[in-house]
């Protein structure tokens, strides 16, 4: 389910069955790495849409956590932990953060099994059929990681 009024109505009615939230992590930079950060964001947003289709009714996809890539890593991490706490306090058993930003991978041990890192693939010059194929492959890999995260707590 996406962060849309119609999906949220369904979520509120079926809340007891939806135990997983997904938060895309989107970096922002207006400096030299701007294009790379934009590509990462596009990739993660498209991947989120494809993943949401696979898990519709089991997960709520929250709006992206956007952050300034040049900010201190410890501040970003503390902010992310606040998000995770707020989400879990609201009743979600599982929280997954989806990112292509290597910076988060360096903190993977701190963020535990909830961090889903997928290297970004520039999509802007690909034809739609090839994009679709790449997204399907990536979603299959993510599904395995998510199921592993679910199983780890049982």
C-alpha atoms as a PDB file:
ATOM      1  CA  UNK A   1       0.000   0.000   0.000  1.00  0.00           C
ATOM      2  CA  UNK A   2       1.223   3.415  -0.886  1.00  0.00           C
ATOM      3  CA  UNK A   3       1.012   6.714   0.952  1.00  0.00           C
ATOM      4  CA  UNK A   4      -2.237   7.648  -0.787  1.00  0.00           C
ATOM      5  CA  UNK A   5      -5.626   8.413   0.691  1.00  0.00           C
ATOM      6  CA  UNK A   6      -7.360   5.357  -0.808  1.00  0.00           C
ATOM      7  CA  UNK A   7      -4.613   2.976   0.317  1.00  0.00           C
ATOM      8  CA  UNK A   8      -4.533   4.523   3.781  1.00  0.00           C
ATOM      9  CA  UNK A   9      -8.288   3.951   4.148  1.00  0.00           C
ATOM     10  CA  UNK A  10      -7.699   0.258   3.442  1.00  0.00           C
ATOM     11  CA  UNK A  11      -4.713   0.227   5.791  1.00  0.00           C
ATOM     12  CA  UNK A  12      -6.775   1.715   8.637  1.00  0.00           C
ATOM     13  CA  UNK A  13      -9.440  -0.962   8.133  1.00  0.00           C
ATOM     14  CA  UNK A  14      -6.912  -3.824   7.883  1.00  0.00           C
ATOM     15  CA  UNK A  15      -4.201  -2.466  10.200  1.00  0.00           C
ATOM     16  CA  UNK A  16      -3.999  -5.634  12.288  1.00  0.00           C
ATOM     17  CA  UNK A  17      -2.827  -7.628   9.240  1.00  0.00           C
ATOM     18  CA  UNK A  18      -0.208  -5.167   7.981  1.00  0.00           C
ATOM     19  CA  UNK A  19       2.936  -5.545  10.024  1.00  0.00           C
ATOM     20  CA  UNK A  20       5.608  -4.143   7.714  1.00  0.00           C
ATOM     21  CA  UNK A  21       6.568  -0.609   6.714  1.00  0.00           C
ATOM     22  CA  UNK A  22       9.057   0.303   3.993  1.00  0.00           C
ATOM     23  CA  UNK A  23      10.830   3.648   3.856  1.00  0.00           C
ATOM     24  CA  UNK A  24      12.849   4.576   0.759  1.00  0.00           C
ATOM     25  CA  UNK A  25      15.982   6.585   1.614  1.00  0.00           C
ATOM     26  CA  UNK A  26      16.608   9.359  -0.934  1.00  0.00           C
ATOM     27  CA  UNK A  27      19.768  11.476  -0.860  1.00  0.00           C
ATOM     28  CA  UNK A  28      19.763  15.100  -2.011  1.00  0.00           C
ATOM     29  CA  UNK A  29      22.800  16.990  -3.221  1.00  0.00           C
ATOM     30  CA  UNK A  30      23.084  20.166  -5.247  1.00  0.00           C
ATOM     31  CA  UNK A  31      26.840  19.827  -5.599  1.00  0.00           C
ATOM     32  CA  UNK A  32      29.082  17.777  -7.821  1.00  0.00           C
ATOM     33  CA  UNK A  33      27.330  14.500  -7.027  1.00  0.00           C
ATOM     34  CA  UNK A  34      23.883  15.871  -7.910  1.00  0.00           C
ATOM     35  CA  UNK A  35      23.314  13.685 -10.985  1.00  0.00           C
ATOM     36  CA  UNK A  36      24.394  10.522  -9.162  1.00  0.00           C
ATOM     37  CA  UNK A  37      22.058  11.294  -6.241  1.00  0.00           C
ATOM     38  CA  UNK A  38      19.161  11.988  -8.608  1.00  0.00           C
ATOM     39  CA  UNK A  39      19.763   8.648 -10.353  1.00  0.00           C
ATOM     40  CA  UNK A  40      19.846   6.859  -6.991  1.00  0.00           C
ATOM     41  CA  UNK A  41      16.575   8.486  -6.003  1.00  0.00           C
ATOM     42  CA  UNK A  42      14.858   7.630  -9.286  1.00  0.00           C
ATOM     43  CA  UNK A  43      16.033   4.043  -9.043  1.00  0.00           C
ATOM     44  CA  UNK A  44      14.852   3.591  -5.450  1.00  0.00           C
ATOM     45  CA  UNK A  45      11.473   5.209  -6.134  1.00  0.00           C
ATOM     46  CA  UNK A  46      10.861   2.981  -9.160  1.00  0.00           C
ATOM     47  CA  UNK A  47      12.035  -0.086  -7.252  1.00  0.00           C
ATOM     48  CA  UNK A  48       9.673   0.827  -4.397  1.00  0.00           C
ATOM     49  CA  UNK A  49       6.720   0.896  -6.786  1.00  0.00           C
ATOM     50  CA  UNK A  50       7.586  -2.532  -8.150  1.00  0.00           C
ATOM     51  CA  UNK A  51       8.122  -3.954  -4.673  1.00  0.00           C
ATOM     52  CA  UNK A  52       4.834  -2.501  -3.460  1.00  0.00           C
ATOM     53  CA  UNK A  53       2.973  -4.347  -6.220  1.00  0.00           C
ATOM     54  CA  UNK A  54       4.411  -7.649  -4.994  1.00  0.00           C
ATOM     55  CA  UNK A  55       3.477  -7.081  -1.368  1.00  0.00           C
ATOM     56  CA  UNK A  56       0.231  -5.136  -1.731  1.00  0.00           C
ATOM     57  CA  UNK A  57      -1.834  -5.679   1.379  1.00  0.00           C
ATOM     58  CA  UNK A  58       1.112  -6.802   3.510  1.00  0.00           C
ATOM     59  CA  UNK A  59       3.243  -3.639   3.590  1.00  0.00           C
ATOM     60  CA  UNK A  60       2.776   0.084   3.864  1.00  0.00           C
ATOM     61  CA  UNK A  61       5.216   2.132   1.801  1.00  0.00           C
ATOM     62  CA  UNK A  62       5.823   5.397   3.612  1.00  0.00           C
ATOM     63  CA  UNK A  63       7.008   8.603   1.937  1.00  0.00           C
ATOM     64  CA  UNK A  64      10.720   8.701   1.265  1.00  0.00           C
ATOM     65  CA  UNK A  65      13.080   9.856   3.974  1.00  0.00           C
ATOM     66  CA  UNK A  66      15.029  12.522   2.117  1.00  0.00           C
ATOM     67  CA  UNK A  67      18.264  13.814   3.537  1.00  0.00           C
ATOM     68  CA  UNK A  68      21.126  16.071   2.565  1.00  0.00           C
ATOM     69  CA  UNK A  69      23.945  13.807   1.500  1.00  0.00           C
ATOM     70  CA  UNK A  70      26.552  16.296   2.733  1.00  0.00           C
ATOM     71  CA  UNK A  71      25.258  16.299   6.328  1.00  0.00           C
ATOM     72  CA  UNK A  72      27.133  14.505   9.059  1.00  0.00           C
ATOM     73  CA  UNK A  73      26.526  10.740   8.966  1.00  0.00           C
ATOM     74  CA  UNK A  74      25.830  10.484  12.686  1.00  0.00           C
ATOM     75  CA  UNK A  75      22.993  13.039  12.393  1.00  0.00           C
ATOM     76  CA  UNK A  76      21.421  11.125   9.503  1.00  0.00           C
ATOM     77  CA  UNK A  77      21.679   7.896  11.447  1.00  0.00           C
ATOM     78  CA  UNK A  78      20.103   9.369  14.596  1.00  0.00           C
ATOM     79  CA  UNK A  79      17.251  10.773  12.474  1.00  0.00           C
ATOM     80  CA  UNK A  80      16.729   7.369  10.867  1.00  0.00           C
ATOM     81  CA  UNK A  81      16.591   5.677  14.272  1.00  0.00           C
ATOM     82  CA  UNK A  82      13.903   8.191  15.299  1.00  0.00           C
ATOM     83  CA  UNK A  83      11.873   7.258  12.222  1.00  0.00           C
ATOM     84  CA  UNK A  84      12.270   3.559  13.012  1.00  0.00           C
ATOM     85  CA  UNK A  85      11.171   4.056  16.629  1.00  0.00           C
ATOM     86  CA  UNK A  86       8.146   6.145  15.632  1.00  0.00           C
ATOM     87  CA  UNK A  87       7.091   3.557  13.034  1.00  0.00           C
ATOM     88  CA  UNK A  88       7.466   0.631  15.432  1.00  0.00           C
ATOM     89  CA  UNK A  89       5.712   2.541  18.213  1.00  0.00           C
ATOM     90  CA  UNK A  90       2.749   2.973  15.865  1.00  0.00           C
ATOM     91  CA  UNK A  91       2.332  -0.798  15.617  1.00  0.00           C
ATOM     92  CA  UNK A  92       4.575  -2.033  12.819  1.00  0.00           C
ATOM     93  CA  UNK A  93       6.585  -5.111  13.714  1.00  0.00           C
ATOM     94  CA  UNK A  94       8.995  -4.766  10.777  1.00  0.00           C
ATOM     95  CA  UNK A  95      10.591  -1.688   9.232  1.00  0.00           C
ATOM     96  CA  UNK A  96      12.738  -1.894   6.120  1.00  0.00           C
ATOM     97  CA  UNK A  97      14.774   0.992   4.744  1.00  0.00           C
ATOM     98  CA  UNK A  98      15.445   0.792   1.005  1.00  0.00           C
ATOM     99  CA  UNK A  99      18.512   2.589  -0.341  1.00  0.00           C
ATOM    100  CA  UNK A 100      21.168   2.789  -3.037  1.00  0.00           C
ATOM    101  CA  UNK A 101      23.366   5.134  -1.039  1.00  0.00           C
ATOM    102  CA  UNK A 102      26.609   3.400  -0.079  1.00  0.00           C
ATOM    103  CA  UNK A 103      26.846   5.578   3.019  1.00  0.00           C
ATOM    104  CA  UNK A 104      24.035   3.580   4.691  1.00  0.00           C
ATOM    105  CA  UNK A 105      25.695   0.312   3.780  1.00  0.00           C
ATOM    106  CA  UNK A 106      28.737   1.405   5.732  1.00  0.00           C
ATOM    107  CA  UNK A 107      26.395   1.634   8.746  1.00  0.00           C
ATOM    108  CA  UNK A 108      24.579  -1.608   7.973  1.00  0.00           C
ATOM    109  CA  UNK A 109      25.627  -3.252  11.237  1.00  0.00           C
ATOM    110  CA  UNK A 110      24.159  -0.310  13.116  1.00  0.00           C
ATOM    111  CA  UNK A 111      20.896  -0.364  11.182  1.00  0.00           C
ATOM    112  CA  UNK A 112      20.571  -4.179  11.604  1.00  0.00           C
ATOM    113  CA  UNK A 113      18.687  -6.386   9.173  1.00  0.00           C
ATOM    114  CA  UNK A 114      16.239  -3.628   8.342  1.00  0.00           C
ATOM    115  CA  UNK A 115      18.530  -2.001   5.758  1.00  0.00           C
ATOM    116  CA  UNK A 116      17.929  -3.149   2.186  1.00  0.00           C
ATOM    117  CA  UNK A 117      20.806  -1.947   0.030  1.00  0.00           C
ATOM    118  CA  UNK A 118      20.509  -2.216  -3.745  1.00  0.00           C
ATOM    119  CA  UNK A 119      23.203  -0.704  -5.971  1.00  0.00           C
ATOM    120  CA  UNK A 120      21.695   1.931  -8.222  1.00  0.00           C
ATOM    121  CA  UNK A 121      21.471   1.294 -11.940  1.00  0.00           C
ATOM    122  CA  UNK A 122      21.156   4.400 -14.171  1.00  0.00           C
ATOM    123  CA  UNK A 123      17.830   3.975 -15.949  1.00  0.00           C
ATOM    124  CA  UNK A 124      17.527   7.192 -17.938  1.00  0.00           C
ATOM    125  CA  UNK A 125      18.787   5.798 -21.285  1.00  0.00           C
ATOM    126  CA  UNK A 126      17.258   2.301 -21.088  1.00  0.00           C
ATOM    127  CA  UNK A 127      14.241   1.161 -23.024  1.00  0.00           C
ATOM    128  CA  UNK A 128      11.168   0.351 -20.954  1.00  0.00           C
ATOM    129  CA  UNK A 129      11.303  -3.401 -21.535  1.00  0.00           C
ATOM    130  CA  UNK A 130      14.868  -3.642 -20.238  1.00  0.00           C
ATOM    131  CA  UNK A 131      13.994  -1.418 -17.247  1.00  0.00           C
ATOM    132  CA  UNK A 132      11.104  -3.726 -16.439  1.00  0.00           C
ATOM    133  CA  UNK A 133      13.356  -6.781 -16.567  1.00  0.00           C
ATOM    134  CA  UNK A 134      15.935  -5.178 -14.262  1.00  0.00           C
ATOM    135  CA  UNK A 135      13.249  -4.148 -11.787  1.00  0.00           C
ATOM    136  CA  UNK A 136      11.798  -7.665 -11.720  1.00  0.00           C
ATOM    137  CA  UNK A 137      15.246  -9.139 -10.995  1.00  0.00           C
ATOM    138  CA  UNK A 138      15.894  -6.621  -8.231  1.00  0.00           C
ATOM    139  CA  UNK A 139      12.478  -7.202  -6.659  1.00  0.00           C
ATOM    140  CA  UNK A 140      13.104 -10.958  -6.561  1.00  0.00           C
ATOM    141  CA  UNK A 141      16.326 -10.357  -4.652  1.00  0.00           C
ATOM    142  CA  UNK A 142      14.620  -7.932  -2.271  1.00  0.00           C
ATOM    143  CA  UNK A 143      11.780 -10.350  -1.633  1.00  0.00           C
ATOM    144  CA  UNK A 144      14.301 -12.917  -0.400  1.00  0.00           C
ATOM    145  CA  UNK A 145      15.865 -10.358   1.956  1.00  0.00           C
ATOM    146  CA  UNK A 146      12.492  -9.274   3.296  1.00  0.00           C
ATOM    147  CA  UNK A 147      11.346 -12.835   3.921  1.00  0.00           C
ATOM    148  CA  UNK A 148      14.660 -13.499   5.676  1.00  0.00           C
ATOM    149  CA  UNK A 149      14.034 -10.434   7.869  1.00  0.00           C
ATOM    150  CA  UNK A 150      10.556 -11.686   8.723  1.00  0.00           C
ATOM    151  CA  UNK A 151      11.841 -15.162   9.546  1.00  0.00           C
ATOM    152  CA  UNK A 152      14.650 -13.831  11.746  1.00  0.00           C
ATOM    153  CA  UNK A 153      12.124 -12.598  14.301  1.00  0.00           C
ATOM    154  CA  UNK A 154      10.081 -15.778  14.504  1.00  0.00           C
END
